[in-house]
Amino acid sequence: MAVVGDTLAVECLGTPTPDGEEDTGSTLNAFSVTTCVLRWTWSGTYGATLSPLAHRGHLVVLNGYGDRATVLDPADGRVVAERALPGYSYRARLAAAGDCLAVVCTAERPVHRLRVFRWK
């Protein structure tokens, strides 16, 4: 979950898939904190939408397997910016500070465990 202003963003997971099969994805639902009304929904282009993060007045999500960061406007869910991130991280989580974005792999797999990027 992430909160930006009056918007609460919640990741709703898709149907679980057996290990090794492609993830069916998940949906990000955004609600008004004051009225509890659903404002918008957003789904990534492929794979799972992971780790909604409130950062600098926007929502940042990982699209796919941690290989694309997407910035959403919390008011209406429109895509403000996107960036491809080299590598991938299954079951990734996102953190940010200043202009740095960190992607952490939480899966028990031999993949890069931590990747850090400067947002340009």
C-alpha atoms as a PDB file:
ATOM      1  CA  MET A   1       0.000   0.000   0.000  1.00  0.00           C
ATOM      2  CA  ALA A   2       0.989   3.610  -0.500  1.00  0.00           C
ATOM      3  CA  VAL A   3      -0.661   6.922   0.342  1.00  0.00           C
ATOM      4  CA  VAL A   4      -0.155  10.155  -1.612  1.00  0.00           C
ATOM      5  CA  GLY A   5      -2.295  13.065  -0.463  1.00  0.00           C
ATOM      6  CA  ASP A   6      -5.893  11.807  -0.419  1.00  0.00           C
ATOM      7  CA  THR A   7      -5.137   8.706  -2.507  1.00  0.00           C
ATOM      8  CA  LEU A   8      -4.563   5.227  -1.093  1.00  0.00           C
ATOM      9  CA  ALA A   9      -3.094   2.788  -3.647  1.00  0.00           C
ATOM     10  CA  VAL A  10      -3.500  -0.933  -2.980  1.00  0.00           C
ATOM     11  CA  GLU A  11      -2.044  -3.772  -5.031  1.00  0.00           C
ATOM     12  CA  CYS A  12      -4.610  -6.512  -5.724  1.00  0.00           C
ATOM     13  CA  LEU A  13      -2.783  -9.707  -6.637  1.00  0.00           C
ATOM     14  CA  GLY A  14      -3.797 -11.839  -9.579  1.00  0.00           C
ATOM     15  CA  THR A  15      -4.323 -15.580  -9.485  1.00  0.00           C
ATOM     16  CA  PRO A  16      -1.243 -17.346  -8.063  1.00  0.00           C
ATOM     17  CA  THR A  17       0.767 -19.324 -10.619  1.00  0.00           C
ATOM     18  CA  PRO A  18       2.995 -22.348 -10.070  1.00  0.00           C
ATOM     19  CA  ASP A  19       6.696 -21.545  -9.770  1.00  0.00           C
ATOM     20  CA  GLY A  20       8.275 -21.146 -13.185  1.00  0.00           C
ATOM     21  CA  GLU A  21       5.090 -20.017 -14.979  1.00  0.00           C
ATOM     22  CA  GLU A  22       4.470 -16.448 -16.093  1.00  0.00           C
ATOM     23  CA  ASP A  23       2.705 -14.279 -13.530  1.00  0.00           C
ATOM     24  CA  THR A  24      -0.850 -13.309 -14.457  1.00  0.00           C
ATOM     25  CA  GLY A  25      -0.257  -9.848 -13.050  1.00  0.00           C
ATOM     26  CA  SER A  26      -1.985  -7.704 -10.520  1.00  0.00           C
ATOM     27  CA  THR A  27      -4.005  -4.506 -10.486  1.00  0.00           C
ATOM     28  CA  LEU A  28      -3.415  -1.295  -8.610  1.00  0.00           C
ATOM     29  CA  ASN A  29      -6.620   0.144  -7.138  1.00  0.00           C
ATOM     30  CA  ALA A  30      -6.672   3.734  -5.889  1.00  0.00           C
ATOM     31  CA  PHE A  31      -9.197   4.951  -3.335  1.00  0.00           C
ATOM     32  CA  SER A  32      -9.995   8.322  -1.823  1.00  0.00           C
ATOM     33  CA  VAL A  33      -8.832   8.274   1.796  1.00  0.00           C
ATOM     34  CA  THR A  34     -11.636  10.604   2.902  1.00  0.00           C
ATOM     35  CA  THR A  35     -14.566   9.040   0.994  1.00  0.00           C
ATOM     36  CA  CYS A  36     -13.314   5.450   0.449  1.00  0.00           C
ATOM     37  CA  VAL A  37     -14.527   5.703  -3.165  1.00  0.00           C
ATOM     38  CA  LEU A  38     -12.553   3.870  -5.867  1.00  0.00           C
ATOM     39  CA  ARG A  39     -10.871   6.556  -8.007  1.00  0.00           C
ATOM     40  CA  TRP A  40      -9.109   4.481 -10.643  1.00  0.00           C
ATOM     41  CA  THR A  41      -7.463   1.160 -11.429  1.00  0.00           C
ATOM     42  CA  TRP A  42      -4.251   0.486 -13.308  1.00  0.00           C
ATOM     43  CA  SER A  43      -2.682  -2.699 -14.631  1.00  0.00           C
ATOM     44  CA  GLY A  44       0.833  -3.128 -15.938  1.00  0.00           C
ATOM     45  CA  THR A  45       1.547  -4.185 -19.488  1.00  0.00           C
ATOM     46  CA  TYR A  46       2.886  -7.579 -18.446  1.00  0.00           C
ATOM     47  CA  GLY A  47       3.808  -9.549 -15.367  1.00  0.00           C
ATOM     48  CA  ALA A  48       3.028  -8.253 -11.933  1.00  0.00           C
ATOM     49  CA  THR A  49       2.613  -4.680 -10.794  1.00  0.00           C
ATOM     50  CA  LEU A  50       4.650  -4.586  -7.624  1.00  0.00           C
ATOM     51  CA  SER A  51       5.448  -2.377  -4.672  1.00  0.00           C
ATOM     52  CA  PRO A  52       3.395   0.787  -5.005  1.00  0.00           C
ATOM     53  CA  LEU A  53       5.560   3.494  -3.487  1.00  0.00           C
ATOM     54  CA  ALA A  54       4.718   7.096  -2.617  1.00  0.00           C
ATOM     55  CA  HIS A  55       7.585   9.300  -3.761  1.00  0.00           C
ATOM     56  CA  ARG A  56       7.758  13.028  -4.530  1.00  0.00           C
ATOM     57  CA  GLY A  57       3.975  13.384  -4.736  1.00  0.00           C
ATOM     58  CA  HIS A  58       3.508  10.516  -7.191  1.00  0.00           C
ATOM     59  CA  LEU A  59       3.056   6.749  -7.110  1.00  0.00           C
ATOM     60  CA  VAL A  60       5.911   4.640  -8.429  1.00  0.00           C
ATOM     61  CA  VAL A  61       5.294   0.989  -9.296  1.00  0.00           C
ATOM     62  CA  LEU A  62       7.400  -1.786 -10.749  1.00  0.00           C
ATOM     63  CA  ASN A  63       5.950  -3.141 -13.951  1.00  0.00           C
ATOM     64  CA  GLY A  64       6.865  -6.653 -15.002  1.00  0.00           C
ATOM     65  CA  TYR A  65       9.572  -8.377 -12.992  1.00  0.00           C
ATOM     66  CA  GLY A  66      11.237  -5.282 -11.630  1.00  0.00           C
ATOM     67  CA  ASP A  67      12.548  -4.289 -15.056  1.00  0.00           C
ATOM     68  CA  ARG A  68      10.383  -1.187 -15.595  1.00  0.00           C
ATOM     69  CA  ALA A  69       9.496   1.633 -13.205  1.00  0.00           C
ATOM     70  CA  THR A  70       6.262   3.476 -13.924  1.00  0.00           C
ATOM     71  CA  VAL A  71       5.300   6.784 -12.291  1.00  0.00           C
ATOM     72  CA  LEU A  72       1.560   7.398 -11.919  1.00  0.00           C
ATOM     73  CA  ASP A  73      -0.395  10.548 -11.107  1.00  0.00           C
ATOM     74  CA  PRO A  74      -2.227   9.754  -7.848  1.00  0.00           C
ATOM     75  CA  ALA A  75      -5.267  11.827  -8.840  1.00  0.00           C
ATOM     76  CA  ASP A  76      -6.217   9.922 -11.998  1.00  0.00           C
ATOM     77  CA  GLY A  77      -3.736   7.054 -12.525  1.00  0.00           C
ATOM     78  CA  ARG A  78      -2.285   8.367 -15.766  1.00  0.00           C
ATOM     79  CA  VAL A  79       1.309   7.434 -16.574  1.00  0.00           C
ATOM     80  CA  VAL A  80       3.592  10.412 -15.932  1.00  0.00           C
ATOM     81  CA  ALA A  81       6.911   8.703 -16.724  1.00  0.00           C
ATOM     82  CA  GLU A  82       8.422   5.287 -17.358  1.00  0.00           C
ATOM     83  CA  ARG A  83      11.937   3.962 -17.281  1.00  0.00           C
ATOM     84  CA  ALA A  84      13.391   0.609 -18.268  1.00  0.00           C
ATOM     85  CA  LEU A  85      15.609  -0.829 -15.546  1.00  0.00           C
ATOM     86  CA  PRO A  86      18.369  -3.229 -16.649  1.00  0.00           C
ATOM     87  CA  GLY A  87      18.070  -6.692 -15.141  1.00  0.00           C
ATOM     88  CA  TYR A  88      15.119  -8.239 -13.382  1.00  0.00           C
ATOM     89  CA  SER A  89      14.098  -9.218  -9.878  1.00  0.00           C
ATOM     90  CA  TYR A  90      11.418 -11.785  -9.217  1.00  0.00           C
ATOM     91  CA  ARG A  91       9.195 -10.706  -6.311  1.00  0.00           C
ATOM     92  CA  ALA A  92      10.905  -7.321  -6.272  1.00  0.00           C
ATOM     93  CA  ARG A  93      10.303  -4.507  -3.822  1.00  0.00           C
ATOM     94  CA  LEU A  94      10.964  -0.829  -4.406  1.00  0.00           C
ATOM     95  CA  ALA A  95      12.536   1.920  -2.296  1.00  0.00           C
ATOM     96  CA  ALA A  96      13.470   5.499  -3.168  1.00  0.00           C
ATOM     97  CA  ALA A  97      15.431   8.401  -1.734  1.00  0.00           C
ATOM     98  CA  GLY A  98      16.032  11.646  -3.577  1.00  0.00           C
ATOM     99  CA  ASP A  99      16.704  10.742  -7.204  1.00  0.00           C
ATOM    100  CA  CYS A 100      17.757   7.148  -6.424  1.00  0.00           C
ATOM    101  CA  LEU A 101      15.516   4.139  -6.970  1.00  0.00           C
ATOM    102  CA  ALA A 102      16.439   0.799  -5.388  1.00  0.00           C
ATOM    103  CA  VAL A 103      14.977  -2.525  -6.507  1.00  0.00           C
ATOM    104  CA  VAL A 104      15.431  -5.410  -4.092  1.00  0.00           C
ATOM    105  CA  CYS A 105      14.834  -9.056  -4.993  1.00  0.00           C
ATOM    106  CA  THR A 106      13.040 -10.993  -2.247  1.00  0.00           C
ATOM    107  CA  ALA A 107      12.822 -14.348  -4.057  1.00  0.00           C
ATOM    108  CA  GLU A 108      15.058 -17.295  -3.304  1.00  0.00           C
ATOM    109  CA  ARG A 109      16.620 -17.320  -6.761  1.00  0.00           C
ATOM    110  CA  PRO A 110      20.106 -16.679  -8.119  1.00  0.00           C
ATOM    111  CA  VAL A 111      19.353 -13.185  -9.461  1.00  0.00           C
ATOM    112  CA  HIS A 112      20.753  -9.770  -8.658  1.00  0.00           C
ATOM    113  CA  ARG A 113      19.640  -9.028  -5.110  1.00  0.00           C
ATOM    114  CA  LEU A 114      19.944  -5.227  -5.172  1.00  0.00           C
ATOM    115  CA  ARG A 115      19.955  -2.798  -8.062  1.00  0.00           C
ATOM    116  CA  VAL A 116      20.136   0.993  -7.612  1.00  0.00           C
ATOM    117  CA  PHE A 117      19.389   3.560 -10.321  1.00  0.00           C
ATOM    118  CA  ARG A 118      19.426   7.337 -10.617  1.00  0.00           C
ATOM    119  CA  TRP A 119      16.154   8.683 -11.968  1.00  0.00           C
ATOM    120  CA  LYS A 120      16.846  11.124 -14.802  1.00  0.00           C
END
